């Protein structure tokens, strides 16, 4: 028997077996997770979309003007209503006011004498007029706006101390606007209002002494709608 021949075969078999074991081991560790005391996995995210909403926490209430007005000797009456808007929109919201078209050119019409109306206060170039003027010979109806945070107001109701729709100042009862049937923006808030943002609309009727045209005895009514929209 050739001892060297058998030893050579055994050596070759051992080498081949060792290679097979090494290859199997390499394959095992290539397909199985590595085992260690700690390892980081791939990062992943969890997302949830929250949609924006808007609502009136407080709706504007009906207004009864305060101040006795005489049809001939005249006078001034004032009133106001408040609306509170809540929104979670990060960019804020806008709010407009529009007066009902009662088939007359004026917003405030007589309840009984439907053909009679109190004249709309004149705007200045489509923007609020600085200071309420009593120079008109006719009875007039106007509104202005204030807010708990004056930065919420549309720039139309901010003033420079002598004119409206310019500057960043605000003083109450300075910028008076003509009632319009088309929507006019009164609020332009740039942040959310999670707990509510308050806006107050002030109204004024002025009847001069011996107005022309004459003001017929009646109850005069104007109807307005506020609309708030998320940006």
Protein backbone atom coordinates (compact mmCIF):
# COMPACT_ATOMS: atom_id res chain seq x y z
CA UNK A 1 0.00 0.00 0.00
CA UNK A 2 1.24 3.46 -0.93
CA UNK A 3 1.14 5.38 2.33
CA UNK A 4 2.14 8.66 0.69
CA UNK A 5 -0.68 8.32 -1.79
CA UNK A 6 -3.29 7.89 0.93
CA UNK A 7 -1.86 10.74 3.01
CA UNK A 8 -1.99 13.01 -0.03
CA UNK A 9 -5.62 12.10 -0.69
CA UNK A 10 -6.50 12.65 2.96
CA UNK A 11 -4.77 16.01 2.93
CA UNK A 12 -6.59 17.07 -0.19
CA UNK A 13 -9.91 15.90 1.26
CA UNK A 14 -9.23 17.85 4.44
CA UNK A 15 -8.41 20.98 2.46
CA UNK A 16 -11.54 20.56 0.35
CA UNK A 17 -13.69 20.03 3.44
CA UNK A 18 -12.17 23.10 5.08
CA UNK A 19 -12.92 25.17 1.99
CA UNK A 20 -16.50 23.94 1.90
CA UNK A 21 -16.97 24.74 5.58
CA UNK A 22 -15.45 28.21 5.07
CA UNK A 23 -17.70 28.86 2.08
CA UNK A 24 -20.78 27.68 3.95
CA UNK A 25 -19.84 29.89 6.88
CA UNK A 26 -19.36 32.91 4.65
CA UNK A 27 -22.70 32.25 2.95
CA UNK A 28 -24.46 31.90 6.34
CA UNK A 29 -23.15 35.20 7.66
CA UNK A 30 -23.97 36.94 4.39
CA UNK A 31 -27.68 36.05 4.63
CA UNK A 32 -28.19 36.07 8.40
CA UNK A 33 -28.26 39.26 10.58
CA UNK A 34 -25.06 39.92 12.36
CA UNK A 35 -25.30 39.28 16.06
CA UNK A 36 -23.76 41.81 18.39
CA UNK A 37 -24.51 43.53 21.66
CA UNK A 38 -26.07 46.65 19.92
CA UNK A 39 -26.94 47.70 16.39
CA UNK A 40 -28.78 50.66 14.80
CA UNK A 41 -31.56 50.07 12.31
CA UNK A 42 -32.49 52.33 9.42
CA UNK A 43 -34.37 55.55 10.46
CA UNK A 44 -38.03 55.79 9.45
CA UNK A 45 -40.76 58.47 9.76
CA UNK A 46 -44.36 58.56 10.93
CA UNK A 47 -46.56 61.30 9.42
CA UNK A 48 -50.10 62.51 10.13
CA UNK A 49 -51.76 65.35 8.25
CA UNK A 50 -53.97 67.76 10.24
CA UNK A 51 -56.34 69.78 8.04
CA UNK A 52 -57.20 73.42 8.70
CA UNK A 53 -60.59 74.52 9.99
CA UNK A 54 -62.31 77.82 10.69
CA UNK A 55 -65.45 78.73 12.59
CA UNK A 56 -67.21 81.56 14.37
CA UNK A 57 -66.91 81.08 18.13
CA UNK A 58 -69.17 84.12 18.44
CA UNK A 59 -71.51 85.19 15.66
CA UNK A 60 -72.16 88.87 15.13
CA UNK A 61 -75.40 89.82 16.89
CA UNK A 62 -78.14 92.20 15.77
CA UNK A 63 -77.48 95.85 16.56
CA UNK A 64 -79.85 98.41 18.03
CA UNK A 65 -78.35 101.85 17.66
CA UNK A 66 -77.98 104.00 20.78
CA UNK A 67 -78.83 107.68 20.60
CA UNK A 68 -82.08 109.47 19.93
CA UNK A 69 -82.35 110.85 16.42
CA UNK A 70 -84.81 113.58 15.50
CA UNK A 71 -85.95 113.69 11.92
CA UNK A 72 -85.66 117.47 11.69
CA UNK A 73 -83.19 118.68 14.31
CA UNK A 74 -80.97 115.60 13.85
CA UNK A 75 -78.40 113.88 16.06
CA UNK A 76 -75.91 110.98 16.10
CA UNK A 77 -76.45 107.33 17.03
CA UNK A 78 -73.86 104.57 17.50
CA UNK A 79 -73.92 100.79 17.77
CA UNK A 80 -71.58 97.82 17.51
CA UNK A 81 -71.41 94.05 17.21
CA UNK A 82 -68.60 91.58 17.85
CA UNK A 83 -67.49 88.41 16.08
CA UNK A 84 -64.89 85.90 17.32
CA UNK A 85 -63.19 83.66 14.75
CA UNK A 86 -61.26 80.50 15.58
CA UNK A 87 -58.87 78.85 13.13
CA UNK A 88 -55.89 76.50 13.26
CA UNK A 89 -54.56 77.70 9.91
CA UNK A 90 -50.92 78.74 10.40
CA UNK A 91 -51.24 81.52 7.80
CA UNK A 92 -54.33 83.01 9.46
CA UNK A 93 -57.53 84.16 7.79
CA UNK A 94 -59.33 87.06 6.15
CA UNK A 95 -62.79 88.43 6.90
CA UNK A 96 -65.07 90.51 4.71
CA UNK A 97 -68.33 92.37 5.20
CA UNK A 98 -71.06 92.77 2.60
CA UNK A 99 -74.38 94.59 2.92
CA UNK A 100 -77.62 93.17 1.59
CA UNK A 101 -78.88 94.60 -1.68
CA UNK A 102 -82.32 95.92 -0.71
CA UNK A 103 -83.06 97.18 -4.27
CA UNK A 104 -82.23 100.78 -3.31
CA UNK A 105 -78.86 102.51 -3.83
CA UNK A 106 -78.47 102.75 -0.02
CA UNK A 107 -77.75 100.05 2.58
CA UNK A 108 -80.18 101.33 5.26
CA UNK A 109 -83.81 101.43 4.13
CA UNK A 110 -87.05 102.26 5.92
CA UNK A 111 -88.97 99.21 7.14
CA UNK A 112 -92.35 100.77 6.29
CA UNK A 113 -91.52 103.51 3.83
CA UNK A 114 -89.39 101.20 1.70
CA UNK A 115 -88.62 103.93 -0.79
CA UNK A 116 -86.98 106.01 1.95
CA UNK A 117 -83.35 105.40 2.91
CA UNK A 118 -80.46 106.84 4.88
CA UNK A 119 -77.60 107.70 2.55
CA UNK A 120 -74.41 105.62 2.54
CA UNK A 121 -71.49 107.52 4.03
CA UNK A 122 -69.06 108.35 1.18
CA UNK A 123 -65.75 106.51 1.00
CA UNK A 124 -62.52 108.10 -0.22
CA UNK A 125 -61.40 106.41 -3.43
CA UNK A 126 -62.99 103.16 -2.36
CA UNK A 127 -61.24 103.26 1.03
CA UNK A 128 -62.32 104.43 4.51
CA UNK A 129 -62.47 108.18 5.15
CA UNK A 130 -60.30 109.58 7.94
CA UNK A 131 -62.50 110.99 10.71
CA UNK A 132 -66.29 110.95 10.54
CA UNK A 133 -67.46 114.04 8.67
CA UNK A 134 -70.77 115.70 9.55
CA UNK A 135 -70.57 118.08 6.62
CA UNK A 136 -73.15 116.22 4.54
CA UNK A 137 -76.60 117.80 4.35
CA UNK A 138 -78.19 114.33 4.21
CA UNK A 139 -78.49 111.65 6.90
CA UNK A 140 -75.63 109.16 6.53
CA UNK A 141 -74.79 105.62 7.66
CA UNK A 142 -71.21 104.34 8.06
CA UNK A 143 -69.11 101.67 9.79
CA UNK A 144 -65.58 101.22 11.11
CA UNK A 145 -63.69 98.25 12.55
CA UNK A 146 -61.49 97.48 15.56
CA UNK A 147 -59.84 94.28 16.77
CA UNK A 148 -58.46 92.90 20.02
CA UNK A 149 -55.13 92.83 18.17
CA UNK A 150 -55.00 95.82 15.80
CA UNK A 151 -52.44 94.00 13.62
CA UNK A 152 -55.33 91.74 12.56
CA UNK A 153 -57.05 94.62 10.80
CA UNK A 154 -56.94 95.03 7.07
CA UNK A 155 -54.58 97.94 6.21
CA UNK A 156 -57.64 99.91 5.05
CA UNK A 157 -58.49 100.57 8.70
CA UNK A 158 -54.98 101.50 9.79
CA UNK A 159 -53.90 105.13 9.63
CA UNK A 160 -50.95 107.49 9.59
CA UNK A 161 -52.59 110.01 11.91
CA UNK A 162 -54.11 111.94 9.04
CA UNK A 163 -55.22 109.37 6.44
CA UNK A 164 -56.54 105.82 6.28
CA UNK A 165 -55.14 102.87 4.34
CA UNK A 166 -51.61 104.11 5.05
CA UNK A 167 -49.20 103.69 7.94
CA UNK A 168 -49.44 101.11 10.70
CA UNK A 169 -51.14 103.11 13.44
CA UNK A 170 -54.61 102.53 14.79
CA UNK A 171 -56.92 104.77 16.75
CA UNK A 172 -60.53 103.77 17.23
CA UNK A 173 -63.27 105.57 15.31
CA UNK A 174 -60.86 107.14 12.84
CA UNK A 175 -61.45 105.28 9.56
CA UNK A 176 -65.11 105.20 8.46
CA UNK A 177 -66.25 103.17 5.47
CA UNK A 178 -69.14 103.31 3.05
CA UNK A 179 -71.48 100.28 3.22
CA UNK A 180 -71.21 98.24 0.02
CA UNK A 181 -73.11 95.27 -1.40
CA UNK A 182 -69.81 93.82 -2.64
CA UNK A 183 -67.50 92.19 -0.08
CA UNK A 184 -64.99 94.53 1.55
CA UNK A 185 -62.06 93.05 3.50
CA UNK A 186 -61.88 94.18 7.12
CA UNK A 187 -59.51 91.60 8.68
CA UNK A 188 -56.22 90.18 7.41
CA UNK A 189 -54.70 88.04 10.17
CA UNK A 190 -51.36 86.38 9.43
CA UNK A 191 -51.22 83.76 12.23
CA UNK A 192 -53.55 81.11 13.59
CA UNK A 193 -56.25 81.93 16.14
CA UNK A 194 -56.47 78.75 18.19
CA UNK A 195 -58.36 80.37 21.06
CA UNK A 196 -60.24 82.88 18.92
CA UNK A 197 -59.62 86.36 17.49
CA UNK A 198 -62.08 89.17 18.25
CA UNK A 199 -63.26 91.78 15.77
CA UNK A 200 -65.78 94.55 16.51
CA UNK A 201 -67.73 96.43 13.86
CA UNK A 202 -68.91 99.89 14.89
CA UNK A 203 -71.82 101.63 13.14
CA UNK A 204 -72.87 105.26 13.09
CA UNK A 205 -75.92 107.15 11.79
CA UNK A 206 -75.76 110.91 11.66
CA UNK A 207 -78.73 113.14 10.87
CA UNK A 208 -77.85 116.83 10.35
CA UNK A 209 -80.13 119.66 11.39
CA UNK A 210 -82.87 120.03 8.75
CA UNK A 211 -81.57 117.18 6.55
CA UNK A 212 -81.98 117.19 2.80
CA UNK A 213 -83.55 115.00 1.62
CA UNK A 214 -85.91 114.90 4.58
CA UNK A 215 -85.89 111.79 6.77
CA UNK A 216 -89.33 110.22 7.07
CA UNK A 217 -90.36 108.85 10.46
CA UNK A 218 -89.64 105.12 10.36
CA UNK A 219 -87.33 102.36 11.60
CA UNK A 220 -84.43 102.07 9.18
CA UNK A 221 -82.65 98.74 8.77
CA UNK A 222 -79.43 97.56 7.09
CA UNK A 223 -78.44 93.88 6.85
CA UNK A 224 -74.81 92.76 6.65
CA UNK A 225 -72.97 89.44 6.42
CA UNK A 226 -69.48 88.60 7.67
CA UNK A 227 -67.46 85.95 5.83
CA UNK A 228 -64.23 84.47 7.24
CA UNK A 229 -61.88 82.40 5.06
CA UNK A 230 -58.63 80.60 5.82
CA UNK A 231 -55.70 81.74 3.73
